[in-house]
Amino acid sequence: MDDRALLAKLAGGRRSGDALARDAGLTRAAVWKRIQNLRAAGVDIEGRAGDGYRLATPLDLLDAARIRAGMAPDAAAGLAALDVAWTLESTNTTLLAQPAPEHGVAV
């Protein structure tokens, strides 16, 4: 389970550390560490002993399918690729490493 999947689980309501660890195939300590890393990145996650974790406020993550669905048909037709990455070292380096699309633009 990556951080995005962990956030999706937490967005669904309060989850125990044991349940999150079981779902992810991780130890309870590994889940705690990932939650600490997300908190350090600015995600507001509440945790209560014996009650589990949950997002303190709703979090709306970028999603390529939802972005495409919200685009005007003409704009979507001119889009060769739309990728949403969780993290990149450099967007420019990543885009330059890919072949240019034959038609449209890559975002």
N, C-alpha and C. Protein backbone atom coordinates (compact mmCIF):
# COMPACT_ATOMS: atom_id res chain seq x y z
N MET A 1 0.85 -1.17 0.00
CA MET A 1 0.00 0.00 0.00
C MET A 1 0.90 1.24 0.00
N ASP A 2 0.71 2.10 -0.99
CA ASP A 2 1.48 3.34 -1.04
C ASP A 2 0.77 4.42 -0.21
N ASP A 3 1.38 5.58 -0.11
CA ASP A 3 0.80 6.66 0.70
C ASP A 3 -0.57 7.09 0.18
N ARG A 4 -0.73 7.08 -1.12
CA ARG A 4 -2.02 7.47 -1.70
C ARG A 4 -3.12 6.50 -1.27
N ALA A 5 -2.82 5.20 -1.28
CA ALA A 5 -3.80 4.20 -0.85
C ALA A 5 -4.07 4.32 0.65
N LEU A 6 -3.03 4.62 1.42
CA LEU A 6 -3.21 4.82 2.86
C LEU A 6 -4.13 6.01 3.12
N LEU A 7 -3.93 7.09 2.40
CA LEU A 7 -4.80 8.26 2.55
C LEU A 7 -6.24 7.94 2.16
N ALA A 8 -6.42 7.13 1.13
CA ALA A 8 -7.77 6.74 0.72
C ALA A 8 -8.45 5.94 1.83
N LYS A 9 -7.71 5.06 2.49
CA LYS A 9 -8.28 4.29 3.61
C LYS A 9 -8.67 5.23 4.75
N LEU A 10 -7.80 6.19 5.06
CA LEU A 10 -8.09 7.12 6.14
C LEU A 10 -9.25 8.05 5.79
N ALA A 11 -9.42 8.35 4.52
CA ALA A 11 -10.53 9.21 4.08
C ALA A 11 -11.86 8.50 4.27
N GLY A 12 -11.84 7.18 4.31
CA GLY A 12 -13.07 6.40 4.49
C GLY A 12 -13.55 6.36 5.92
N GLY A 13 -12.85 6.98 6.83
CA GLY A 13 -13.25 6.98 8.24
C GLY A 13 -12.14 6.43 9.12
N ARG A 14 -12.41 6.38 10.39
CA ARG A 14 -11.42 5.95 11.37
C ARG A 14 -11.04 4.48 11.14
N ARG A 15 -9.73 4.22 11.13
CA ARG A 15 -9.21 2.86 10.94
C ARG A 15 -8.15 2.59 11.99
N SER A 16 -8.17 1.41 12.55
CA SER A 16 -7.16 1.06 13.54
C SER A 16 -5.82 0.83 12.87
N GLY A 17 -4.76 1.04 13.62
CA GLY A 17 -3.42 0.77 13.10
C GLY A 17 -3.26 -0.68 12.71
N ASP A 18 -3.86 -1.58 13.48
CA ASP A 18 -3.78 -3.01 13.16
C ASP A 18 -4.47 -3.32 11.84
N ALA A 19 -5.63 -2.73 11.61
CA ALA A 19 -6.36 -2.97 10.35
C ALA A 19 -5.58 -2.40 9.17
N LEU A 20 -5.01 -1.22 9.33
CA LEU A 20 -4.21 -0.63 8.26
C LEU A 20 -2.99 -1.49 7.95
N ALA A 21 -2.33 -1.98 9.00
CA ALA A 21 -1.16 -2.84 8.82
C ALA A 21 -1.53 -4.13 8.11
N ARG A 22 -2.63 -4.74 8.52
CA ARG A 22 -3.09 -5.99 7.91
C ARG A 22 -3.41 -5.77 6.43
N ASP A 23 -4.14 -4.70 6.12
CA ASP A 23 -4.51 -4.40 4.72
C ASP A 23 -3.28 -4.15 3.85
N ALA A 24 -2.26 -3.53 4.44
CA ALA A 24 -1.07 -3.15 3.68
C ALA A 24 0.00 -4.23 3.67
N GLY A 25 -0.15 -5.24 4.52
CA GLY A 25 0.88 -6.26 4.63
C GLY A 25 2.14 -5.71 5.29
N LEU A 26 1.95 -4.76 6.20
CA LEU A 26 3.06 -4.12 6.90
C LEU A 26 2.94 -4.38 8.39
N THR A 27 3.98 -4.02 9.12
CA THR A 27 3.89 -4.08 10.57
C THR A 27 3.15 -2.83 11.06
N ARG A 28 2.67 -2.91 12.27
CA ARG A 28 2.00 -1.76 12.89
C ARG A 28 2.97 -0.58 12.99
N ALA A 29 4.24 -0.88 13.30
CA ALA A 29 5.26 0.18 13.41
C ALA A 29 5.51 0.85 12.06
N ALA A 30 5.48 0.08 10.98
CA ALA A 30 5.69 0.65 9.64
C ALA A 30 4.54 1.58 9.27
N VAL A 31 3.32 1.21 9.65
CA VAL A 31 2.17 2.07 9.38
C VAL A 31 2.30 3.36 10.18
N TRP A 32 2.69 3.24 11.45
CA TRP A 32 2.87 4.42 12.29
C TRP A 32 3.90 5.36 11.66
N LYS A 33 5.01 4.80 11.15
CA LYS A 33 6.05 5.62 10.53
C LYS A 33 5.52 6.33 9.29
N ARG A 34 4.73 5.65 8.48
CA ARG A 34 4.17 6.28 7.27
C ARG A 34 3.21 7.40 7.66
N ILE A 35 2.43 7.18 8.69
CA ILE A 35 1.52 8.23 9.16
C ILE A 35 2.32 9.43 9.67
N GLN A 36 3.41 9.17 10.37
CA GLN A 36 4.27 10.27 10.84
C GLN A 36 4.85 11.04 9.66
N ASN A 37 5.26 10.34 8.61
CA ASN A 37 5.80 11.00 7.41
C ASN A 37 4.73 11.86 6.73
N LEU A 38 3.50 11.35 6.66
CA LEU A 38 2.41 12.13 6.07
C LEU A 38 2.13 13.37 6.91
N ARG A 39 2.15 13.22 8.21
CA ARG A 39 1.95 14.37 9.10
C ARG A 39 3.05 15.41 8.88
N ALA A 40 4.29 14.94 8.75
CA ALA A 40 5.42 15.84 8.52
C ALA A 40 5.27 16.58 7.19
N ALA A 41 4.58 15.95 6.23
CA ALA A 41 4.35 16.57 4.93
C ALA A 41 3.16 17.53 4.96
N GLY A 42 2.49 17.62 6.12
CA GLY A 42 1.39 18.58 6.26
C GLY A 42 0.00 18.00 6.25
N VAL A 43 -0.13 16.68 6.18
CA VAL A 43 -1.45 16.05 6.20
C VAL A 43 -1.92 15.97 7.65
N ASP A 44 -3.12 16.48 7.92
CA ASP A 44 -3.66 16.51 9.28
C ASP A 44 -4.36 15.18 9.57
N ILE A 45 -3.66 14.31 10.29
CA ILE A 45 -4.19 12.99 10.63
C ILE A 45 -4.37 12.93 12.14
N GLU A 46 -5.59 12.61 12.55
CA GLU A 46 -5.88 12.44 13.98
C GLU A 46 -5.64 10.99 14.36
N GLY A 47 -5.14 10.78 15.56
CA GLY A 47 -4.95 9.43 16.07
C GLY A 47 -5.31 9.37 17.54
N ARG A 48 -6.05 8.32 17.90
CA ARG A 48 -6.43 8.12 19.30
C ARG A 48 -6.11 6.68 19.68
N ALA A 49 -5.46 6.53 20.82
CA ALA A 49 -5.14 5.18 21.30
C ALA A 49 -6.43 4.38 21.45
N GLY A 50 -6.44 3.19 20.90
CA GLY A 50 -7.60 2.32 20.99
C GLY A 50 -8.72 2.65 20.03
N ASP A 51 -8.57 3.76 19.29
CA ASP A 51 -9.64 4.17 18.37
C ASP A 51 -9.16 4.29 16.93
N GLY A 52 -7.86 4.39 16.71
CA GLY A 52 -7.33 4.42 15.35
C GLY A 52 -7.04 5.81 14.82
N TYR A 53 -6.88 5.85 13.50
CA TYR A 53 -6.51 7.07 12.79
C TYR A 53 -7.62 7.48 11.83
N ARG A 54 -7.64 8.79 11.54
CA ARG A 54 -8.52 9.30 10.49
C ARG A 54 -8.01 10.65 10.03
N LEU A 55 -8.44 11.07 8.85
CA LEU A 55 -8.10 12.41 8.38
C LEU A 55 -8.90 13.42 9.18
N ALA A 56 -8.25 14.47 9.66
CA ALA A 56 -8.93 15.49 10.44
C ALA A 56 -9.87 16.31 9.57
N THR A 57 -9.48 16.52 8.31
CA THR A 57 -10.31 17.24 7.35
C THR A 57 -10.28 16.48 6.04
N PRO A 58 -11.34 16.59 5.23
CA PRO A 58 -11.35 15.89 3.95
C PRO A 58 -10.16 16.30 3.08
N LEU A 59 -9.68 15.37 2.31
CA LEU A 59 -8.54 15.59 1.44
C LEU A 59 -8.94 15.16 0.04
N ASP A 60 -8.85 16.08 -0.90
CA ASP A 60 -9.24 15.80 -2.28
C ASP A 60 -7.97 15.68 -3.12
N LEU A 61 -7.55 14.45 -3.39
CA LEU A 61 -6.33 14.21 -4.16
C LEU A 61 -6.59 14.34 -5.65
N LEU A 62 -5.57 14.78 -6.37
CA LEU A 62 -5.69 14.86 -7.83
C LEU A 62 -5.88 13.46 -8.40
N ASP A 63 -6.75 13.36 -9.39
CA ASP A 63 -7.04 12.08 -10.02
C ASP A 63 -7.20 12.31 -11.52
N ALA A 64 -6.39 11.64 -12.32
CA ALA A 64 -6.39 11.87 -13.77
C ALA A 64 -7.77 11.63 -14.39
N ALA A 65 -8.46 10.58 -13.98
CA ALA A 65 -9.77 10.28 -14.56
C ALA A 65 -10.78 11.39 -14.24
N ARG A 66 -10.74 11.90 -13.02
CA ARG A 66 -11.67 12.98 -12.65
C ARG A 66 -11.33 14.27 -13.38
N ILE A 67 -10.03 14.53 -13.59
CA ILE A 67 -9.63 15.72 -14.33
C ILE A 67 -10.12 15.63 -15.77
N ARG A 68 -9.90 14.47 -16.40
CA ARG A 68 -10.37 14.28 -17.79
C ARG A 68 -11.89 14.43 -17.89
N ALA A 69 -12.60 13.86 -16.92
CA ALA A 69 -14.06 13.93 -16.94
C ALA A 69 -14.56 15.37 -16.84
N GLY A 70 -13.80 16.23 -16.19
CA GLY A 70 -14.21 17.62 -16.03
C GLY A 70 -13.77 18.55 -17.14
N MET A 71 -13.02 18.01 -18.10
CA MET A 71 -12.52 18.85 -19.19
C MET A 71 -13.56 19.02 -20.29
N ALA A 72 -13.50 20.15 -20.97
CA ALA A 72 -14.34 20.36 -22.15
C ALA A 72 -13.91 19.34 -23.21
N PRO A 73 -14.86 18.83 -23.99
CA PRO A 73 -14.52 17.82 -25.00
C PRO A 73 -13.40 18.24 -25.95
N ASP A 74 -13.39 19.50 -26.39
CA ASP A 74 -12.33 19.97 -27.29
C ASP A 74 -10.96 19.91 -26.62
N ALA A 75 -10.90 20.28 -25.36
CA ALA A 75 -9.63 20.25 -24.63
C ALA A 75 -9.17 18.80 -24.43
N ALA A 76 -10.10 17.93 -24.07
CA ALA A 76 -9.75 16.52 -23.86
C ALA A 76 -9.27 15.87 -25.15
N ALA A 77 -9.85 16.27 -26.28
CA ALA A 77 -9.45 15.69 -27.57
C ALA A 77 -8.01 16.06 -27.93
N GLY A 78 -7.53 17.20 -27.48
CA GLY A 78 -6.17 17.63 -27.78
C GLY A 78 -5.14 17.16 -26.77
N LEU A 79 -5.58 16.37 -25.82
CA LEU A 79 -4.68 15.90 -24.76
C LEU A 79 -4.22 14.48 -25.07
N ALA A 80 -2.94 14.33 -25.38
CA ALA A 80 -2.40 13.00 -25.71
C ALA A 80 -2.19 12.17 -24.45
N ALA A 81 -1.79 12.81 -23.36
CA ALA A 81 -1.54 12.08 -22.11
C ALA A 81 -1.77 13.00 -20.92
N LEU A 82 -2.31 12.42 -19.87
CA LEU A 82 -2.50 13.14 -18.61
C LEU A 82 -2.12 12.19 -17.49
N ASP A 83 -1.04 12.50 -16.81
CA ASP A 83 -0.57 11.67 -15.71
C ASP A 83 -0.53 12.48 -14.43
N VAL A 84 -0.95 11.86 -13.34
CA VAL A 84 -0.84 12.47 -12.02
C VAL A 84 0.16 11.63 -11.24
N ALA A 85 1.26 12.23 -10.86
CA ALA A 85 2.31 11.53 -10.12
C ALA A 85 2.29 11.96 -8.66
N TRP A 86 2.51 11.01 -7.78
CA TRP A 86 2.54 11.32 -6.35
C TRP A 86 3.76 12.17 -6.03
N THR A 87 4.93 11.75 -6.51
CA THR A 87 6.15 12.54 -6.34
C THR A 87 7.05 12.34 -7.56
N LEU A 88 7.78 13.37 -7.89
CA LEU A 88 8.76 13.32 -8.97
C LEU A 88 9.99 14.09 -8.52
N GLU A 89 11.14 13.66 -8.97
CA GLU A 89 12.35 14.43 -8.69
C GLU A 89 12.28 15.76 -9.44
N SER A 90 11.81 15.69 -10.70
CA SER A 90 11.68 16.89 -11.52
C SER A 90 10.65 16.62 -12.61
N THR A 91 9.63 17.46 -12.70
CA THR A 91 8.63 17.27 -13.76
C THR A 91 9.26 17.46 -15.13
N ASN A 92 10.13 18.43 -15.26
CA ASN A 92 10.77 18.65 -16.57
C ASN A 92 11.61 17.46 -16.99
N THR A 93 12.41 16.92 -16.09
CA THR A 93 13.24 15.76 -16.41
C THR A 93 12.38 14.57 -16.79
N THR A 94 11.29 14.36 -16.07
CA THR A 94 10.39 13.24 -16.37
C THR A 94 9.76 13.41 -17.74
N LEU A 95 9.28 14.60 -18.05
CA LEU A 95 8.66 14.83 -19.36
C LEU A 95 9.67 14.74 -20.50
N LEU A 96 10.87 15.25 -20.29
CA LEU A 96 11.89 15.20 -21.34
C LEU A 96 12.37 13.78 -21.61
N ALA A 97 12.24 12.89 -20.64
CA ALA A 97 12.65 11.50 -20.82
C ALA A 97 11.64 10.69 -21.63
N GLN A 98 10.45 11.23 -21.82
CA GLN A 98 9.40 10.53 -22.56
C GLN A 98 9.40 11.00 -24.01
N PRO A 99 9.02 10.09 -24.93
CA PRO A 99 8.91 10.53 -26.32
C PRO A 99 7.76 11.53 -26.47
N ALA A 100 7.92 12.46 -27.38
CA ALA A 100 6.87 13.44 -27.63
C ALA A 100 5.66 12.74 -28.25
N PRO A 101 4.45 13.14 -27.88
CA PRO A 101 3.27 12.52 -28.48
C PRO A 101 3.16 12.89 -29.97
N GLU A 102 2.60 11.98 -30.74
CA GLU A 102 2.42 12.25 -32.17
C GLU A 102 1.41 13.37 -32.39
N HIS A 103 0.38 13.40 -31.57
CA HIS A 103 -0.67 14.43 -31.67
C HIS A 103 -1.00 14.91 -30.26
N GLY A 104 -1.34 16.16 -30.14
CA GLY A 104 -1.76 16.70 -28.86
C GLY A 104 -0.60 17.01 -27.95
N VAL A 105 -0.92 17.18 -26.67
CA VAL A 105 0.08 17.53 -25.68
C VAL A 105 0.06 16.52 -24.54
N ALA A 106 1.17 16.41 -23.85
CA ALA A 106 1.26 15.56 -22.67
C ALA A 106 1.35 16.47 -21.45
N VAL A 107 0.54 16.17 -20.45
CA VAL A 107 0.52 16.95 -19.21
C VAL A 107 0.80 16.02 -18.05
